Amino acid sequence: APLGVSYDSTRNTGIPERFTPYKDASAKTAKLSISGVLPEDEADYFCASWISDYGYIFGPGTKLAVKTSSPKAPAVSLLPPSADELATKQTVTLSCLLHGFFPRTATVTWKGDTTVLSTGVQNSEVKADGASDYKMSSYLTLSAADWKKHNAFSCLVSHESKTITQSITKSECLQS
């Protein structure tokens, strides 16, 4: 459940003294300082303002990620379309699964042969995968016509300064 701390130092139960709010009335700004950041401080933080006719209005938020371990590259698996999808020949979906990575930022790019594919891509949210690792999925759904245009499909995962590529050919999909 959300917890609150106000610029006038009013704090809900459970908010440590390490959380210090500030208000600059002349600049019409407020900020929150956290001293001695701990792993349990990892969260989404939001600023809110009370507008009498509307209630609380929230800002877009800031995600605090606490680095507790060294970077770890994701394990990447590329799954072919199901046999049912291949048999119906209407649409096919390839799945790229990432897990066991840190920090939480990873980018997935899909290619058909050497062409970057952006239509039909759907990425899941990055979610916790254990105490300090993360996981996510990316899906590429293609029409039958787009499936026929390419011989191979690749899932390219960019994480930290590395790119991990998993590829599959159409002939490998047809044999499964």
C-alpha atoms as a PDB file:
ATOM      1  CA  ALA A   1       0.000   0.000   0.000  1.00  0.00           C
ATOM      2  CA  PRO A   2       1.231   3.526  -0.706  1.00  0.00           C
ATOM      3  CA  LEU A   3       2.915   5.429   2.104  1.00  0.00           C
ATOM      4  CA  GLY A   4       3.113   9.185   2.394  1.00  0.00           C
ATOM      5  CA  VAL A   5       5.530  11.817   3.589  1.00  0.00           C
ATOM      6  CA  SER A   6       4.704  15.516   3.347  1.00  0.00           C
ATOM      7  CA  TYR A   7       6.993  18.507   2.777  1.00  0.00           C
ATOM      8  CA  ASP A   8       5.973  19.749   6.244  1.00  0.00           C
ATOM      9  CA  SER A   9       7.592  16.555   7.639  1.00  0.00           C
ATOM     10  CA  THR A  10       4.272  14.859   8.410  1.00  0.00           C
ATOM     11  CA  ARG A  11       4.934  11.175   7.808  1.00  0.00           C
ATOM     12  CA  ASN A  12       2.860   8.037   7.802  1.00  0.00           C
ATOM     13  CA  THR A  13       3.769   5.230  10.194  1.00  0.00           C
ATOM     14  CA  GLY A  14       6.698   3.222   8.859  1.00  0.00           C
ATOM     15  CA  ILE A  15       8.421   6.046   6.955  1.00  0.00           C
ATOM     16  CA  PRO A  16      12.046   6.131   8.195  1.00  0.00           C
ATOM     17  CA  GLU A  17      13.727   9.385   9.211  1.00  0.00           C
ATOM     18  CA  ARG A  18      16.146   8.803   6.282  1.00  0.00           C
ATOM     19  CA  PHE A  19      13.328  10.118   4.036  1.00  0.00           C
ATOM     20  CA  THR A  20      13.474  13.917   4.152  1.00  0.00           C
ATOM     21  CA  PRO A  21      11.026  16.076   2.191  1.00  0.00           C
ATOM     22  CA  TYR A  22      11.851  19.648   1.142  1.00  0.00           C
ATOM     23  CA  LYS A  23       9.681  22.451  -0.218  1.00  0.00           C
ATOM     24  CA  ASP A  24      10.943  25.548  -1.986  1.00  0.00           C
ATOM     25  CA  ALA A  25       7.906  27.839  -1.929  1.00  0.00           C
ATOM     26  CA  SER A  26       9.575  30.544  -4.023  1.00  0.00           C
ATOM     27  CA  ALA A  27      10.388  28.061  -6.802  1.00  0.00           C
ATOM     28  CA  LYS A  28       7.105  26.179  -6.270  1.00  0.00           C
ATOM     29  CA  THR A  29       8.989  22.890  -6.125  1.00  0.00           C
ATOM     30  CA  ALA A  30       9.321  20.009  -3.704  1.00  0.00           C
ATOM     31  CA  LYS A  31      11.762  17.120  -3.471  1.00  0.00           C
ATOM     32  CA  LEU A  32      12.404  14.026  -1.440  1.00  0.00           C
ATOM     33  CA  SER A  33      15.872  13.087  -0.275  1.00  0.00           C
ATOM     34  CA  ILE A  34      16.692   9.548   0.889  1.00  0.00           C
ATOM     35  CA  SER A  35      19.910   9.185   2.843  1.00  0.00           C
ATOM     36  CA  GLY A  36      21.623   5.806   3.042  1.00  0.00           C
ATOM     37  CA  VAL A  37      19.498   4.164   0.327  1.00  0.00           C
ATOM     38  CA  LEU A  38      18.750   0.499   1.058  1.00  0.00           C
ATOM     39  CA  PRO A  39      17.559  -2.320  -1.236  1.00  0.00           C
ATOM     40  CA  GLU A  40      14.083  -2.168   0.336  1.00  0.00           C
ATOM     41  CA  ASP A  41      13.810   1.481  -0.806  1.00  0.00           C
ATOM     42  CA  GLU A  42      13.511   0.295  -4.425  1.00  0.00           C
ATOM     43  CA  ALA A  43      10.074   1.507  -5.521  1.00  0.00           C
ATOM     44  CA  ASP A  44       8.150   3.976  -7.645  1.00  0.00           C
ATOM     45  CA  TYR A  45       8.018   7.414  -5.988  1.00  0.00           C
ATOM     46  CA  PHE A  46       5.366   9.986  -6.841  1.00  0.00           C
ATOM     47  CA  CYS A  47       4.886  13.647  -6.047  1.00  0.00           C
ATOM     48  CA  ALA A  48       1.328  14.787  -5.351  1.00  0.00           C
ATOM     49  CA  SER A  49      -0.278  18.176  -4.927  1.00  0.00           C
ATOM     50  CA  TRP A  50      -3.637  18.905  -3.300  1.00  0.00           C
ATOM     51  CA  ILE A  51      -5.941  20.990  -5.508  1.00  0.00           C
ATOM     52  CA  SER A  52      -9.098  21.872  -3.573  1.00  0.00           C
ATOM     53  CA  ASP A  53     -11.505  21.461  -6.509  1.00  0.00           C
ATOM     54  CA  TYR A  54      -9.873  18.226  -7.761  1.00  0.00           C
ATOM     55  CA  GLY A  55      -8.202  16.411  -4.885  1.00  0.00           C
ATOM     56  CA  TYR A  56      -4.689  14.997  -5.233  1.00  0.00           C
ATOM     57  CA  ILE A  57      -2.940  15.419  -8.589  1.00  0.00           C
ATOM     58  CA  PHE A  58       0.034  13.074  -9.067  1.00  0.00           C
ATOM     59  CA  GLY A  59       3.194  13.585 -11.102  1.00  0.00           C
ATOM     60  CA  PRO A  60       4.557  10.909 -13.478  1.00  0.00           C
ATOM     61  CA  GLY A  61       6.718   9.250 -10.824  1.00  0.00           C
ATOM     62  CA  THR A  62      10.334   8.211 -10.521  1.00  0.00           C
ATOM     63  CA  LYS A  63      11.560   4.626 -10.352  1.00  0.00           C
ATOM     64  CA  LEU A  64      14.359   4.068  -7.850  1.00  0.00           C
ATOM     65  CA  ALA A  65      16.493   1.024  -8.675  1.00  0.00           C
ATOM     66  CA  VAL A  66      18.972  -0.006  -6.003  1.00  0.00           C
ATOM     67  CA  LYS A  67      22.049  -1.726  -7.360  1.00  0.00           C
ATOM     68  CA  THR A  68      22.912  -4.600  -5.048  1.00  0.00           C
ATOM     69  CA  SER A  69      24.857  -6.854  -7.367  1.00  0.00           C
ATOM     70  CA  SER A  70      27.071  -6.794 -10.422  1.00  0.00           C
ATOM     71  CA  PRO A  71      25.458  -6.661 -13.869  1.00  0.00           C
ATOM     72  CA  LYS A  72      24.221 -10.034 -15.120  1.00  0.00           C
ATOM     73  CA  ALA A  73      23.332 -10.667 -18.756  1.00  0.00           C
ATOM     74  CA  PRO A  74      19.950 -12.258 -19.436  1.00  0.00           C
ATOM     75  CA  ALA A  75      19.483 -15.860 -20.449  1.00  0.00           C
ATOM     76  CA  VAL A  76      17.549 -15.592 -23.735  1.00  0.00           C
ATOM     77  CA  SER A  77      15.290 -18.199 -25.356  1.00  0.00           C
ATOM     78  CA  LEU A  78      13.565 -17.824 -28.722  1.00  0.00           C
ATOM     79  CA  LEU A  79      10.473 -19.996 -29.055  1.00  0.00           C
ATOM     80  CA  PRO A  80       8.971 -20.814 -32.470  1.00  0.00           C
ATOM     81  CA  PRO A  81       5.285 -20.464 -33.366  1.00  0.00           C
ATOM     82  CA  SER A  82       3.079 -23.351 -32.309  1.00  0.00           C
ATOM     83  CA  ALA A  83       2.319 -26.172 -34.740  1.00  0.00           C
ATOM     84  CA  ASP A  84      -1.354 -25.072 -34.697  1.00  0.00           C
ATOM     85  CA  GLU A  85      -0.417 -21.542 -35.786  1.00  0.00           C
ATOM     86  CA  LEU A  86       1.773 -22.887 -38.575  1.00  0.00           C
ATOM     87  CA  ALA A  87      -1.037 -25.200 -39.727  1.00  0.00           C
ATOM     88  CA  THR A  88      -3.716 -22.469 -39.849  1.00  0.00           C
ATOM     89  CA  LYS A  89      -1.371 -20.118 -41.747  1.00  0.00           C
ATOM     90  CA  GLN A  90      -3.192 -16.944 -40.610  1.00  0.00           C
ATOM     91  CA  THR A  91      -0.866 -15.456 -38.001  1.00  0.00           C
ATOM     92  CA  VAL A  92       2.175 -16.767 -36.183  1.00  0.00           C
ATOM     93  CA  THR A  93       3.792 -15.587 -32.945  1.00  0.00           C
ATOM     94  CA  LEU A  94       7.435 -15.953 -31.963  1.00  0.00           C
ATOM     95  CA  SER A  95       8.339 -15.527 -28.279  1.00  0.00           C
ATOM     96  CA  CYS A  96      11.595 -14.163 -26.865  1.00  0.00           C
ATOM     97  CA  LEU A  97      12.012 -14.915 -23.144  1.00  0.00           C
ATOM     98  CA  LEU A  98      14.611 -13.150 -20.985  1.00  0.00           C
ATOM     99  CA  HIS A  99      15.391 -14.018 -17.381  1.00  0.00           C
ATOM    100  CA  GLY A 100      18.027 -13.744 -14.678  1.00  0.00           C
ATOM    101  CA  PHE A 101      19.340 -10.291 -15.638  1.00  0.00           C
ATOM    102  CA  PHE A 102      20.450  -7.243 -13.652  1.00  0.00           C
ATOM    103  CA  PRO A 103      19.994  -4.294 -13.819  1.00  0.00           C
ATOM    104  CA  ARG A 104      16.385  -4.169 -14.964  1.00  0.00           C
ATOM    105  CA  THR A 105      16.809  -2.327 -18.277  1.00  0.00           C
ATOM    106  CA  ALA A 106      16.791  -4.506 -21.406  1.00  0.00           C
ATOM    107  CA  THR A 107      15.721  -3.724 -24.983  1.00  0.00           C
ATOM    108  CA  VAL A 108      14.448  -6.290 -27.479  1.00  0.00           C
ATOM    109  CA  THR A 109      14.699  -5.793 -31.248  1.00  0.00           C
ATOM    110  CA  TRP A 110      13.182  -8.235 -33.727  1.00  0.00           C
ATOM    111  CA  LYS A 111      14.578  -8.946 -37.199  1.00  0.00           C
ATOM    112  CA  GLY A 112      13.268 -10.863 -40.181  1.00  0.00           C
ATOM    113  CA  ASP A 113      16.455 -11.829 -42.013  1.00  0.00           C
ATOM    114  CA  THR A 114      18.295  -8.452 -41.786  1.00  0.00           C
ATOM    115  CA  THR A 115      15.187  -6.218 -41.640  1.00  0.00           C
ATOM    116  CA  VAL A 116      14.155  -4.701 -38.302  1.00  0.00           C
ATOM    117  CA  LEU A 117      10.527  -5.598 -37.558  1.00  0.00           C
ATOM    118  CA  SER A 118       8.513  -3.256 -35.341  1.00  0.00           C
ATOM    119  CA  THR A 119       4.907  -3.985 -36.326  1.00  0.00           C
ATOM    120  CA  GLY A 120       3.320  -6.744 -34.250  1.00  0.00           C
ATOM    121  CA  VAL A 121       5.811  -6.466 -31.375  1.00  0.00           C
ATOM    122  CA  GLN A 122       4.496  -6.622 -27.832  1.00  0.00           C
ATOM    123  CA  ASN A 123       6.783  -6.431 -24.784  1.00  0.00           C
ATOM    124  CA  SER A 124       5.814  -7.385 -21.261  1.00  0.00           C
ATOM    125  CA  GLU A 125       6.748  -5.303 -18.248  1.00  0.00           C
ATOM    126  CA  VAL A 126      10.078  -6.077 -16.648  1.00  0.00           C
ATOM    127  CA  LYS A 127       9.322  -8.027 -13.471  1.00  0.00           C
ATOM    128  CA  ALA A 128      11.318  -9.249 -10.489  1.00  0.00           C
ATOM    129  CA  ASP A 129      12.836 -12.709 -10.931  1.00  0.00           C
ATOM    130  CA  GLY A 130      14.074 -13.615  -7.469  1.00  0.00           C
ATOM    131  CA  ALA A 131      15.781 -11.290  -5.013  1.00  0.00           C
ATOM    132  CA  SER A 132      17.779  -9.119  -7.420  1.00  0.00           C
ATOM    133  CA  ASP A 133      17.211 -10.407 -10.971  1.00  0.00           C
ATOM    134  CA  TYR A 134      14.634  -9.481 -13.585  1.00  0.00           C
ATOM    135  CA  LYS A 135      12.671 -11.141 -16.384  1.00  0.00           C
ATOM    136  CA  MET A 136      10.569 -10.062 -19.354  1.00  0.00           C
ATOM    137  CA  SER A 137       9.061 -11.410 -22.576  1.00  0.00           C
ATOM    138  CA  SER A 138       8.736 -10.039 -26.077  1.00  0.00           C
ATOM    139  CA  TYR A 139       6.357 -11.358 -28.729  1.00  0.00           C
ATOM    140  CA  LEU A 140       6.383 -10.905 -32.499  1.00  0.00           C
ATOM    141  CA  THR A 141       3.068 -11.636 -34.216  1.00  0.00           C
ATOM    142  CA  LEU A 142       3.212 -11.822 -38.011  1.00  0.00           C
ATOM    143  CA  SER A 143       0.577 -12.165 -40.706  1.00  0.00           C
ATOM    144  CA  ALA A 144       0.954 -15.104 -43.082  1.00  0.00           C
ATOM    145  CA  ALA A 145       2.235 -12.702 -45.756  1.00  0.00           C
ATOM    146  CA  ASP A 146       4.910 -11.250 -43.448  1.00  0.00           C
ATOM    147  CA  TRP A 147       5.887 -14.752 -42.293  1.00  0.00           C
ATOM    148  CA  LYS A 148       6.490 -15.772 -45.934  1.00  0.00           C
ATOM    149  CA  LYS A 149       8.728 -12.729 -46.629  1.00  0.00           C
ATOM    150  CA  HIS A 150      11.579 -13.947 -44.409  1.00  0.00           C
ATOM    151  CA  ASN A 151      13.660 -17.113 -44.006  1.00  0.00           C
ATOM    152  CA  ALA A 152      15.015 -16.409 -40.507  1.00  0.00           C
ATOM    153  CA  PHE A 153      13.892 -14.469 -37.456  1.00  0.00           C
ATOM    154  CA  SER A 154      16.059 -13.060 -34.673  1.00  0.00           C
ATOM    155  CA  CYS A 155      15.493 -11.670 -31.226  1.00  0.00           C
ATOM    156  CA  LEU A 156      18.280  -9.209 -30.324  1.00  0.00           C
ATOM    157  CA  VAL A 157      18.511  -8.323 -26.641  1.00  0.00           C
ATOM    158  CA  SER A 158      20.526  -5.264 -25.605  1.00  0.00           C
ATOM    159  CA  HIS A 159      21.540  -5.226 -21.949  1.00  0.00           C
ATOM    160  CA  GLU A 160      24.249  -3.026 -20.457  1.00  0.00           C
ATOM    161  CA  SER A 161      26.918  -2.956 -23.203  1.00  0.00           C
ATOM    162  CA  LYS A 162      26.125  -6.394 -24.666  1.00  0.00           C
ATOM    163  CA  THR A 163      23.775  -7.635 -27.366  1.00  0.00           C
ATOM    164  CA  ILE A 164      22.613 -11.243 -27.225  1.00  0.00           C
ATOM    165  CA  THR A 165      21.086 -12.703 -30.390  1.00  0.00           C
ATOM    166  CA  GLN A 166      18.911 -15.794 -30.710  1.00  0.00           C
ATOM    167  CA  SER A 167      17.790 -16.829 -34.199  1.00  0.00           C
ATOM    168  CA  ILE A 168      15.567 -19.424 -35.760  1.00  0.00           C
ATOM    169  CA  THR A 169      14.956 -20.330 -39.391  1.00  0.00           C
ATOM    170  CA  LYS A 170      11.546 -21.023 -40.868  1.00  0.00           C
ATOM    171  CA  SER A 171      12.673 -24.542 -41.767  1.00  0.00           C
ATOM    172  CA  GLU A 172      13.481 -25.201 -38.065  1.00  0.00           C
ATOM    173  CA  CYS A 173       9.946 -24.047 -37.167  1.00  0.00           C
ATOM    174  CA  LEU A 174       8.357 -26.310 -39.738  1.00  0.00           C
ATOM    175  CA  GLN A 175      10.243 -29.363 -38.384  1.00  0.00           C
ATOM    176  CA  SER A 176       9.085 -28.855 -34.775  1.00  0.00           C
END
